[in-house]
Amino acid sequence: SIIGSGHSFFTESGVANTYFKQAQKQLDLVQSSRVKLWAEIRWDSRWKAIDAVIVNYNAIIKALDNISEEGAGSISINAAGLLMHLKKSIFIITSFILHQIFGLI
């Protein structure tokens, strides 16, 4: 999943995580958090993962944009790919719909 790929991208790379934290600070996110793992068997983890993406969406986009422009090699390519998927309207709309549905469970 895209959310799972985003979680892996930001948690497995210290560089990507640093960009993410810098973006959160630059955007003055009061309710900042880490990107959460989307577990296949736990509904509440899915809601938490989507909630973290929604809360941190601007910071995630900013971090991926900065990495894709400033980075080199595979990290830059991976950031550009994730950025492309996260900006698609279908991802944004689906995220908000799932957030509402999973929030009720």
PDB file of N, CA and C in Angstrom:
ATOM      1  N   SER A   1       0.836  -1.187   0.000  1.00  0.00           N
ATOM      2  CA  SER A   1       0.000   0.000   0.000  1.00  0.00           C
ATOM      3  C   SER A   1       0.877   1.245   0.000  1.00  0.00           C
ATOM      4  N   ILE A   2       0.314   2.339  -0.418  1.00  0.00           N
ATOM      5  CA  ILE A   2       1.054   3.600  -0.455  1.00  0.00           C
ATOM      6  C   ILE A   2       1.390   4.050   0.962  1.00  0.00           C
ATOM      7  N   ILE A   3       0.443   3.872   1.878  1.00  0.00           N
ATOM      8  CA  ILE A   3       0.698   4.269   3.265  1.00  0.00           C
ATOM      9  C   ILE A   3       1.812   3.414   3.864  1.00  0.00           C
ATOM     10  N   GLY A   4       1.821   2.132   3.570  1.00  0.00           N
ATOM     11  CA  GLY A   4       2.888   1.252   4.037  1.00  0.00           C
ATOM     12  C   GLY A   4       4.237   1.629   3.447  1.00  0.00           C
ATOM     13  N   SER A   5       4.240   1.991   2.179  1.00  0.00           N
ATOM     14  CA  SER A   5       5.483   2.425   1.529  1.00  0.00           C
ATOM     15  C   SER A   5       5.991   3.719   2.148  1.00  0.00           C
ATOM     16  N   GLY A   6       5.073   4.623   2.450  1.00  0.00           N
ATOM     17  CA  GLY A   6       5.460   5.881   3.098  1.00  0.00           C
ATOM     18  C   GLY A   6       6.031   5.644   4.481  1.00  0.00           C
ATOM     19  N   HIS A   7       5.408   4.740   5.223  1.00  0.00           N
ATOM     20  CA  HIS A   7       5.912   4.396   6.553  1.00  0.00           C
ATOM     21  C   HIS A   7       7.330   3.842   6.453  1.00  0.00           C
ATOM     22  N   SER A   8       7.538   2.909   5.549  1.00  0.00           N
ATOM     23  CA  SER A   8       8.870   2.322   5.367  1.00  0.00           C
ATOM     24  C   SER A   8       9.882   3.376   4.948  1.00  0.00           C
ATOM     25  N   PHE A   9       9.484   4.241   4.034  1.00  0.00           N
ATOM     26  CA  PHE A   9      10.391   5.268   3.519  1.00  0.00           C
ATOM     27  C   PHE A   9      10.893   6.168   4.645  1.00  0.00           C
ATOM     28  N   PHE A  10       9.976   6.629   5.501  1.00  0.00           N
ATOM     29  CA  PHE A  10      10.368   7.577   6.544  1.00  0.00           C
ATOM     30  C   PHE A  10      10.968   6.918   7.781  1.00  0.00           C
ATOM     31  N   THR A  11      10.686   5.660   8.034  1.00  0.00           N
ATOM     32  CA  THR A  11      11.234   5.019   9.233  1.00  0.00           C
ATOM     33  C   THR A  11      12.543   4.276   8.976  1.00  0.00           C
ATOM     34  N   GLU A  12      12.774   3.849   7.751  1.00  0.00           N
ATOM     35  CA  GLU A  12      13.984   3.084   7.453  1.00  0.00           C
ATOM     36  C   GLU A  12      15.160   3.963   7.049  1.00  0.00           C
ATOM     37  N   SER A  13      14.903   5.234   6.798  1.00  0.00           N
ATOM     38  CA  SER A  13      15.970   6.133   6.381  1.00  0.00           C
ATOM     39  C   SER A  13      16.071   7.304   7.355  1.00  0.00           C
ATOM     40  N   GLY A  14      17.230   7.435   7.967  1.00  0.00           N
ATOM     41  CA  GLY A  14      17.451   8.568   8.859  1.00  0.00           C
ATOM     42  C   GLY A  14      17.382   9.890   8.125  1.00  0.00           C
ATOM     43  N   VAL A  15      17.846   9.913   6.883  1.00  0.00           N
ATOM     44  CA  VAL A  15      17.811  11.130   6.068  1.00  0.00           C
ATOM     45  C   VAL A  15      16.368  11.546   5.808  1.00  0.00           C
ATOM     46  N   ALA A  16      15.539  10.600   5.386  1.00  0.00           N
ATOM     47  CA  ALA A  16      14.135  10.904   5.096  1.00  0.00           C
ATOM     48  C   ALA A  16      13.413  11.350   6.362  1.00  0.00           C
ATOM     49  N   ASN A  17      13.693  10.704   7.475  1.00  0.00           N
ATOM     50  CA  ASN A  17      13.061  11.078   8.738  1.00  0.00           C
ATOM     51  C   ASN A  17      13.466  12.488   9.157  1.00  0.00           C
ATOM     52  N   THR A  18      14.711  12.858   8.924  1.00  0.00           N
ATOM     53  CA  THR A  18      15.179  14.206   9.241  1.00  0.00           C
ATOM     54  C   THR A  18      14.446  15.241   8.398  1.00  0.00           C
ATOM     55  N   TYR A  19      14.297  14.984   7.105  1.00  0.00           N
ATOM     56  CA  TYR A  19      13.543  15.889   6.235  1.00  0.00           C
ATOM     57  C   TYR A  19      12.100  16.027   6.725  1.00  0.00           C
ATOM     58  N   PHE A  20      11.506  14.933   7.140  1.00  0.00           N
ATOM     59  CA  PHE A  20      10.126  14.939   7.622  1.00  0.00           C
ATOM     60  C   PHE A  20       9.998  15.799   8.876  1.00  0.00           C
ATOM     61  N   LYS A  21      10.896  15.623   9.830  1.00  0.00           N
ATOM     62  CA  LYS A  21      10.850  16.403  11.068  1.00  0.00           C
ATOM     63  C   LYS A  21      11.097  17.885  10.799  1.00  0.00           C
ATOM     64  N   GLN A  22      12.001  18.190   9.861  1.00  0.00           N
ATOM     65  CA  GLN A  22      12.243  19.585   9.492  1.00  0.00           C
ATOM     66  C   GLN A  22      10.997  20.205   8.869  1.00  0.00           C
ATOM     67  N   ALA A  23      10.318  19.457   8.020  1.00  0.00           N
ATOM     68  CA  ALA A  23       9.093  19.955   7.389  1.00  0.00           C
ATOM     69  C   ALA A  23       8.015  20.207   8.441  1.00  0.00           C
ATOM     70  N   GLN A  24       7.891  19.325   9.422  1.00  0.00           N
ATOM     71  CA  GLN A  24       6.919  19.533  10.499  1.00  0.00           C
ATOM     72  C   GLN A  24       7.216  20.830  11.250  1.00  0.00           C
ATOM     73  N   LYS A  25       8.491  21.084  11.540  1.00  0.00           N
ATOM     74  CA  LYS A  25       8.868  22.309  12.251  1.00  0.00           C
ATOM     75  C   LYS A  25       8.602  23.540  11.396  1.00  0.00           C
ATOM     76  N   GLN A  26       8.960  23.484  10.112  1.00  0.00           N
ATOM     77  CA  GLN A  26       8.748  24.625   9.221  1.00  0.00           C
ATOM     78  C   GLN A  26       7.271  24.964   9.074  1.00  0.00           C
ATOM     79  N   LEU A  27       6.415  23.963   9.122  1.00  0.00           N
ATOM     80  CA  LEU A  27       4.973  24.171   8.973  1.00  0.00           C
ATOM     81  C   LEU A  27       4.280  24.411  10.315  1.00  0.00           C
ATOM     82  N   ASP A  28       5.059  24.455  11.400  1.00  0.00           N
ATOM     83  CA  ASP A  28       4.521  24.679  12.745  1.00  0.00           C
ATOM     84  C   ASP A  28       3.347  23.763  13.060  1.00  0.00           C
ATOM     85  N   LEU A  29       3.518  22.485  12.772  1.00  0.00           N
ATOM     86  CA  LEU A  29       2.459  21.529  13.070  1.00  0.00           C
ATOM     87  C   LEU A  29       2.355  21.339  14.575  1.00  0.00           C
ATOM     88  N   VAL A  30       1.232  21.738  15.121  1.00  0.00           N
ATOM     89  CA  VAL A  30       1.013  21.602  16.550  1.00  0.00           C
ATOM     90  C   VAL A  30       0.769  20.143  16.902  1.00  0.00           C
ATOM     91  N   GLN A  31       0.020  19.464  16.056  1.00  0.00           N
ATOM     92  CA  GLN A  31      -0.351  18.067  16.308  1.00  0.00           C
ATOM     93  C   GLN A  31       0.469  17.145  15.401  1.00  0.00           C
ATOM     94  N   SER A  32       1.778  17.317  15.427  1.00  0.00           N
ATOM     95  CA  SER A  32       2.620  16.475  14.581  1.00  0.00           C
ATOM     96  C   SER A  32       2.786  15.101  15.219  1.00  0.00           C
ATOM     97  N   SER A  33       3.032  14.142  14.382  1.00  0.00           N
ATOM     98  CA  SER A  33       3.253  12.780  14.853  1.00  0.00           C
ATOM     99  C   SER A  33       4.098  12.049  13.831  1.00  0.00           C
ATOM    100  N   ARG A  34       4.382  10.810  14.135  1.00  0.00           N
ATOM    101  CA  ARG A  34       5.121   9.990  13.186  1.00  0.00           C
ATOM    102  C   ARG A  34       4.144   9.347  12.217  1.00  0.00           C
ATOM    103  N   VAL A  35       4.678   8.908  11.092  1.00  0.00           N
ATOM    104  CA  VAL A  35       3.876   8.143  10.143  1.00  0.00           C
ATOM    105  C   VAL A  35       3.688   6.759  10.751  1.00  0.00           C
ATOM    106  N   LYS A  36       2.479   6.265  10.737  1.00  0.00           N
ATOM    107  CA  LYS A  36       2.149   4.998  11.399  1.00  0.00           C
ATOM    108  C   LYS A  36       2.102   3.847  10.402  1.00  0.00           C
ATOM    109  N   LEU A  37       2.306   2.648  10.928  1.00  0.00           N
ATOM    110  CA  LEU A  37       2.269   1.437  10.112  1.00  0.00           C
ATOM    111  C   LEU A  37       0.831   0.981   9.895  1.00  0.00           C
ATOM    112  N   TRP A  38       0.514   0.614   8.663  1.00  0.00           N
ATOM    113  CA  TRP A  38      -0.801   0.082   8.290  1.00  0.00           C
ATOM    114  C   TRP A  38      -0.721  -1.424   8.466  1.00  0.00           C
ATOM    115  N   ALA A  39      -1.318  -1.960   9.532  1.00  0.00           N
ATOM    116  CA  ALA A  39      -1.308  -3.404   9.777  1.00  0.00           C
ATOM    117  C   ALA A  39      -2.489  -4.050   9.070  1.00  0.00           C
ATOM    118  N   GLU A  40      -2.257  -5.195   8.477  1.00  0.00           N
ATOM    119  CA  GLU A  40      -3.294  -5.882   7.707  1.00  0.00           C
ATOM    120  C   GLU A  40      -4.411  -6.447   8.576  1.00  0.00           C
ATOM    121  N   ILE A  41      -4.146  -6.734   9.835  1.00  0.00           N
ATOM    122  CA  ILE A  41      -5.152  -7.421  10.647  1.00  0.00           C
ATOM    123  C   ILE A  41      -5.813  -6.550  11.704  1.00  0.00           C
ATOM    124  N   ARG A  42      -5.368  -5.322  11.880  1.00  0.00           N
ATOM    125  CA  ARG A  42      -5.930  -4.471  12.930  1.00  0.00           C
ATOM    126  C   ARG A  42      -6.591  -3.243  12.329  1.00  0.00           C
ATOM    127  N   TRP A  43      -7.902  -3.131  12.489  1.00  0.00           N
ATOM    128  CA  TRP A  43      -8.638  -1.992  11.937  1.00  0.00           C
ATOM    129  C   TRP A  43      -8.199  -0.684  12.575  1.00  0.00           C
ATOM    130  N   ASP A  44      -7.944  -0.698  13.891  1.00  0.00           N
ATOM    131  CA  ASP A  44      -7.558   0.542  14.554  1.00  0.00           C
ATOM    132  C   ASP A  44      -6.203   1.038  14.069  1.00  0.00           C
ATOM    133  N   SER A  45      -5.318   0.137  13.668  1.00  0.00           N
ATOM    134  CA  SER A  45      -4.023   0.574  13.141  1.00  0.00           C
ATOM    135  C   SER A  45      -4.196   1.228  11.776  1.00  0.00           C
ATOM    136  N   ARG A  46      -5.176   0.785  11.024  1.00  0.00           N
ATOM    137  CA  ARG A  46      -5.444   1.399   9.723  1.00  0.00           C
ATOM    138  C   ARG A  46      -5.933   2.828   9.913  1.00  0.00           C
ATOM    139  N   TRP A  47      -6.831   3.026  10.887  1.00  0.00           N
ATOM    140  CA  TRP A  47      -7.321   4.375  11.147  1.00  0.00           C
ATOM    141  C   TRP A  47      -6.176   5.265  11.614  1.00  0.00           C
ATOM    142  N   LYS A  48      -5.334   4.762  12.510  1.00  0.00           N
ATOM    143  CA  LYS A  48      -4.199   5.545  13.012  1.00  0.00           C
ATOM    144  C   LYS A  48      -3.231   5.887  11.892  1.00  0.00           C
ATOM    145  N   ALA A  49      -3.013   4.956  10.972  1.00  0.00           N
ATOM    146  CA  ALA A  49      -2.113   5.208   9.844  1.00  0.00           C
ATOM    147  C   ALA A  49      -2.680   6.296   8.936  1.00  0.00           C
ATOM    148  N   ILE A  50      -3.962   6.204   8.625  1.00  0.00           N
ATOM    149  CA  ILE A  50      -4.594   7.212   7.769  1.00  0.00           C
ATOM    150  C   ILE A  50      -4.647   8.553   8.487  1.00  0.00           C
ATOM    151  N   ASP A  51      -4.971   8.538   9.775  1.00  0.00           N
ATOM    152  CA  ASP A  51      -5.020   9.769  10.558  1.00  0.00           C
ATOM    153  C   ASP A  51      -3.660  10.466  10.566  1.00  0.00           C
ATOM    154  N   ALA A  52      -2.593   9.703  10.745  1.00  0.00           N
ATOM    155  CA  ALA A  52      -1.245  10.281  10.748  1.00  0.00           C
ATOM    156  C   ALA A  52      -0.908  10.905   9.397  1.00  0.00           C
ATOM    157  N   VAL A  53      -1.337  10.273   8.310  1.00  0.00           N
ATOM    158  CA  VAL A  53      -1.089  10.832   6.977  1.00  0.00           C
ATOM    159  C   VAL A  53      -1.879  12.127   6.799  1.00  0.00           C
ATOM    160  N   ILE A  54      -3.137  12.137   7.225  1.00  0.00           N
ATOM    161  CA  ILE A  54      -3.959  13.337   7.073  1.00  0.00           C
ATOM    162  C   ILE A  54      -3.406  14.486   7.914  1.00  0.00           C
ATOM    163  N   VAL A  55      -3.061  14.214   9.156  1.00  0.00           N
ATOM    164  CA  VAL A  55      -2.532  15.249  10.049  1.00  0.00           C
ATOM    165  C   VAL A  55      -1.206  15.799   9.521  1.00  0.00           C
ATOM    166  N   ASN A  56      -0.376  14.929   8.981  1.00  0.00           N
ATOM    167  CA  ASN A  56       0.966  15.317   8.533  1.00  0.00           C
ATOM    168  C   ASN A  56       1.087  15.454   7.019  1.00  0.00           C
ATOM    169  N   TYR A  57      -0.030  15.509   6.306  1.00  0.00           N
ATOM    170  CA  TYR A  57       0.001  15.479   4.842  1.00  0.00           C
ATOM    171  C   TYR A  57       0.925  16.555   4.270  1.00  0.00           C
ATOM    172  N   ASN A  58       0.777  17.803   4.713  1.00  0.00           N
ATOM    173  CA  ASN A  58       1.607  18.882   4.163  1.00  0.00           C
ATOM    174  C   ASN A  58       3.087  18.667   4.462  1.00  0.00           C
ATOM    175  N   ALA A  59       3.401  18.171   5.652  1.00  0.00           N
ATOM    176  CA  ALA A  59       4.800  17.903   6.003  1.00  0.00           C
ATOM    177  C   ALA A  59       5.352  16.749   5.178  1.00  0.00           C
ATOM    178  N   ILE A  60       4.539  15.728   4.950  1.00  0.00           N
ATOM    179  CA  ILE A  60       4.971  14.587   4.135  1.00  0.00           C
ATOM    180  C   ILE A  60       5.263  15.045   2.712  1.00  0.00           C
ATOM    181  N   ILE A  61       4.353  15.834   2.140  1.00  0.00           N
ATOM    182  CA  ILE A  61       4.537  16.332   0.772  1.00  0.00           C
ATOM    183  C   ILE A  61       5.779  17.206   0.690  1.00  0.00           C
ATOM    184  N   LYS A  62       5.951  18.110   1.654  1.00  0.00           N
ATOM    185  CA  LYS A  62       7.119  19.000   1.664  1.00  0.00           C
ATOM    186  C   LYS A  62       8.414  18.202   1.780  1.00  0.00           C
ATOM    187  N   ALA A  63       8.441  17.225   2.677  1.00  0.00           N
ATOM    188  CA  ALA A  63       9.643  16.410   2.861  1.00  0.00           C
ATOM    189  C   ALA A  63       9.969  15.623   1.593  1.00  0.00           C
ATOM    190  N   LEU A  64       8.965  14.990   1.000  1.00  0.00           N
ATOM    191  CA  LEU A  64       9.197  14.220  -0.230  1.00  0.00           C
ATOM    192  C   LEU A  64       9.655  15.118  -1.370  1.00  0.00           C
ATOM    193  N   ASP A  65       9.065  16.302  -1.465  1.00  0.00           N
ATOM    194  CA  ASP A  65       9.456  17.253  -2.506  1.00  0.00           C
ATOM    195  C   ASP A  65      10.911  17.682  -2.317  1.00  0.00           C
ATOM    196  N   ASN A  66      11.285  18.004  -1.079  1.00  0.00           N
ATOM    197  CA  ASN A  66      12.665  18.405  -0.799  1.00  0.00           C
ATOM    198  C   ASN A  66      13.650  17.273  -1.075  1.00  0.00           C
ATOM    199  N   ILE A  67      13.306  16.067  -0.671  1.00  0.00           N
ATOM    200  CA  ILE A  67      14.196  14.923  -0.903  1.00  0.00           C
ATOM    201  C   ILE A  67      14.345  14.657  -2.395  1.00  0.00           C
ATOM    202  N   SER A  68      13.233  14.717  -3.133  1.00  0.00           N
ATOM    203  CA  SER A  68      13.312  14.425  -4.570  1.00  0.00           C
ATOM    204  C   SER A  68      14.121  15.480  -5.313  1.00  0.00           C
ATOM    205  N   GLU A  69      14.112  16.729  -4.819  1.00  0.00           N
ATOM    206  CA  GLU A  69      14.881  17.795  -5.469  1.00  0.00           C
ATOM    207  C   GLU A  69      16.336  17.817  -5.027  1.00  0.00           C
ATOM    208  N   GLU A  70      16.575  17.603  -3.734  1.00  0.00           N
ATOM    209  CA  GLU A  70      17.920  17.751  -3.182  1.00  0.00           C
ATOM    210  C   GLU A  70      18.688  16.441  -3.081  1.00  0.00           C
ATOM    211  N   GLY A  71      17.981  15.344  -2.997  1.00  0.00           N
ATOM    212  CA  GLY A  71      18.619  14.049  -2.795  1.00  0.00           C
ATOM    213  C   GLY A  71      19.280  13.524  -4.053  1.00  0.00           C
ATOM    214  N   ALA A  72      19.938  12.405  -3.883  1.00  0.00           N
ATOM    215  CA  ALA A  72      20.597  11.755  -5.015  1.00  0.00           C
ATOM    216  C   ALA A  72      20.341  10.257  -4.935  1.00  0.00           C
ATOM    217  N   GLY A  73      20.360   9.627  -6.073  1.00  0.00           N
ATOM    218  CA  GLY A  73      20.233   8.176  -6.115  1.00  0.00           C
ATOM    219  C   GLY A  73      18.838   7.675  -5.840  1.00  0.00           C
ATOM    220  N   SER A  74      18.778   6.495  -5.230  1.00  0.00           N
ATOM    221  CA  SER A  74      17.494   5.813  -5.053  1.00  0.00           C
ATOM    222  C   SER A  74      16.560   6.539  -4.092  1.00  0.00           C
ATOM    223  N   ILE A  75      17.091   7.231  -3.082  1.00  0.00           N
ATOM    224  CA  ILE A  75      16.210   7.932  -2.147  1.00  0.00           C
ATOM    225  C   ILE A  75      15.436   9.037  -2.863  1.00  0.00           C
ATOM    226  N   SER A  76      16.094   9.720  -3.778  1.00  0.00           N
ATOM    227  CA  SER A  76      15.436  10.772  -4.555  1.00  0.00           C
ATOM    228  C   SER A  76      14.371  10.192  -5.483  1.00  0.00           C
ATOM    229  N   ILE A  77      14.689   9.088  -6.114  1.00  0.00           N
ATOM    230  CA  ILE A  77      13.746   8.428  -7.030  1.00  0.00           C
ATOM    231  C   ILE A  77      12.539   7.900  -6.258  1.00  0.00           C
ATOM    232  N   ASN A  78      12.785   7.266  -5.112  1.00  0.00           N
ATOM    233  CA  ASN A  78      11.686   6.750  -4.289  1.00  0.00           C
ATOM    234  C   ASN A  78      10.799   7.876  -3.769  1.00  0.00           C
ATOM    235  N   ALA A  79      11.419   8.984  -3.370  1.00  0.00           N
ATOM    236  CA  ALA A  79      10.647  10.132  -2.885  1.00  0.00           C
ATOM    237  C   ALA A  79       9.764  10.693  -3.994  1.00  0.00           C
ATOM    238  N   ALA A  80      10.304  10.797  -5.192  1.00  0.00           N
ATOM    239  CA  ALA A  80       9.524  11.311  -6.320  1.00  0.00           C
ATOM    240  C   ALA A  80       8.344  10.395  -6.639  1.00  0.00           C
ATOM    241  N   GLY A  81       8.552   9.091  -6.563  1.00  0.00           N
ATOM    242  CA  GLY A  81       7.474   8.139  -6.820  1.00  0.00           C
ATOM    243  C   GLY A  81       6.371   8.224  -5.780  1.00  0.00           C
ATOM    244  N   LEU A  82       6.752   8.276  -4.504  1.00  0.00           N
ATOM    245  CA  LEU A  82       5.757   8.414  -3.438  1.00  0.00           C
ATOM    246  C   LEU A  82       5.011   9.733  -3.556  1.00  0.00           C
ATOM    247  N   LEU A  83       5.741  10.786  -3.859  1.00  0.00           N
ATOM    248  CA  LEU A  83       5.136  12.107  -4.016  1.00  0.00           C
ATOM    249  C   LEU A  83       4.070  12.090  -5.100  1.00  0.00           C
ATOM    250  N   MET A  84       4.371  11.461  -6.208  1.00  0.00           N
ATOM    251  CA  MET A  84       3.417  11.371  -7.312  1.00  0.00           C
ATOM    252  C   MET A  84       2.133  10.674  -6.860  1.00  0.00           C
ATOM    253  N   HIS A  85       2.264   9.566  -6.141  1.00  0.00           N
ATOM    254  CA  HIS A  85       1.088   8.811  -5.695  1.00  0.00           C
ATOM    255  C   HIS A  85       0.293   9.557  -4.626  1.00  0.00           C
ATOM    256  N   LEU A  86       0.995  10.203  -3.694  1.00  0.00           N
ATOM    257  CA  LEU A  86       0.308  10.900  -2.608  1.00  0.00           C
ATOM    258  C   LEU A  86      -0.440  12.141  -3.081  1.00  0.00           C
ATOM    259  N   LYS A  87      -0.025  12.704  -4.202  1.00  0.00           N
ATOM    260  CA  LYS A  87      -0.690  13.899  -4.726  1.00  0.00           C
ATOM    261  C   LYS A  87      -1.903  13.578  -5.599  1.00  0.00           C
ATOM    262  N   LYS A  88      -2.087  12.317  -5.936  1.00  0.00           N
ATOM    263  CA  LYS A  88      -3.222  11.947  -6.782  1.00  0.00           C
ATOM    264  C   LYS A  88      -4.527  12.168  -6.025  1.00  0.00           C
ATOM    265  N   SER A  89      -5.499  12.717  -6.725  1.00  0.00           N
ATOM    266  CA  SER A  89      -6.784  13.007  -6.083  1.00  0.00           C
ATOM    267  C   SER A  89      -7.460  11.738  -5.567  1.00  0.00           C
ATOM    268  N   ILE A  90      -7.293  10.629  -6.248  1.00  0.00           N
ATOM    269  CA  ILE A  90      -7.911   9.379  -5.800  1.00  0.00           C
ATOM    270  C   ILE A  90      -7.359   8.954  -4.435  1.00  0.00           C
ATOM    271  N   PHE A  91      -6.077   9.167  -4.198  1.00  0.00           N
ATOM    272  CA  PHE A  91      -5.484   8.838  -2.901  1.00  0.00           C
ATOM    273  C   PHE A  91      -6.046   9.750  -1.816  1.00  0.00           C
ATOM    274  N   ILE A  92      -6.113  11.034  -2.107  1.00  0.00           N
ATOM    275  CA  ILE A  92      -6.592  12.006  -1.123  1.00  0.00           C
ATOM    276  C   ILE A  92      -8.050  11.732  -0.759  1.00  0.00           C
ATOM    277  N   ILE A  93      -8.888  11.562  -1.759  1.00  0.00           N
ATOM    278  CA  ILE A  93     -10.315  11.318  -1.518  1.00  0.00           C
ATOM    279  C   ILE A  93     -10.526  10.005  -0.767  1.00  0.00           C
ATOM    280  N   THR A  94      -9.852   8.955  -1.216  1.00  0.00           N
ATOM    281  CA  THR A  94      -9.982   7.651  -0.560  1.00  0.00           C
ATOM    282  C   THR A  94      -9.510   7.712   0.890  1.00  0.00           C
ATOM    283  N   SER A  95      -8.441   8.443   1.143  1.00  0.00           N
ATOM    284  CA  SER A  95      -7.933   8.569   2.512  1.00  0.00           C
ATOM    285  C   SER A  95      -8.967   9.203   3.429  1.00  0.00           C
ATOM    286  N   PHE A  96      -9.612  10.266   2.960  1.00  0.00           N
ATOM    287  CA  PHE A  96     -10.619  10.923   3.792  1.00  0.00           C
ATOM    288  C   PHE A  96     -11.842  10.036   4.001  1.00  0.00           C
ATOM    289  N   ILE A  97     -12.252   9.315   2.986  1.00  0.00           N
ATOM    290  CA  ILE A  97     -13.396   8.402   3.127  1.00  0.00           C
ATOM    291  C   ILE A  97     -13.070   7.287   4.123  1.00  0.00           C
ATOM    292  N   LEU A  98     -11.901   6.652   3.965  1.00  0.00           N
ATOM    293  CA  LEU A  98     -11.503   5.582   4.888  1.00  0.00           C
ATOM    294  C   LEU A  98     -11.322   6.107   6.311  1.00  0.00           C
ATOM    295  N   HIS A  99     -10.823   7.323   6.436  1.00  0.00           N
ATOM    296  CA  HIS A  99     -10.655   7.940   7.749  1.00  0.00           C
ATOM    297  C   HIS A  99     -12.003   8.048   8.453  1.00  0.00           C
ATOM    298  N   GLN A 100     -13.017   8.455   7.719  1.00  0.00           N
ATOM    299  CA  GLN A 100     -14.362   8.563   8.295  1.00  0.00           C
ATOM    300  C   GLN A 100     -14.927   7.184   8.648  1.00  0.00           C
ATOM    301  N   ILE A 101     -14.761   6.233   7.752  1.00  0.00           N
ATOM    302  CA  ILE A 101     -15.301   4.886   7.987  1.00  0.00           C
ATOM    303  C   ILE A 101     -14.601   4.210   9.158  1.00  0.00           C
ATOM    304  N   PHE A 102     -13.266   4.188   9.149  1.00  0.00           N
ATOM    305  CA  PHE A 102     -12.523   3.522  10.218  1.00  0.00           C
ATOM    306  C   PHE A 102     -12.677   4.248  11.549  1.00  0.00           C
ATOM    307  N   GLY A 103     -12.936   5.552  11.500  1.00  0.00           N
ATOM    308  CA  GLY A 103     -13.143   6.311  12.731  1.00  0.00           C
ATOM    309  C   GLY A 103     -14.398   5.888  13.473  1.00  0.00           C
ATOM    310  N   LEU A 104     -15.346   5.321  12.754  1.00  0.00           N
ATOM    311  CA  LEU A 104     -16.594   4.865  13.363  1.00  0.00           C
ATOM    312  C   LEU A 104     -16.471   3.499  14.016  1.00  0.00           C
ATOM    313  N   ILE A 105     -15.465   2.744  13.603  1.00  0.00           N
ATOM    314  CA  ILE A 105     -15.321   1.364  14.086  1.00  0.00           C
ATOM    315  C   ILE A 105     -14.689   1.343  15.468  1.00  0.00           C
TER     316      ILE A 105
END
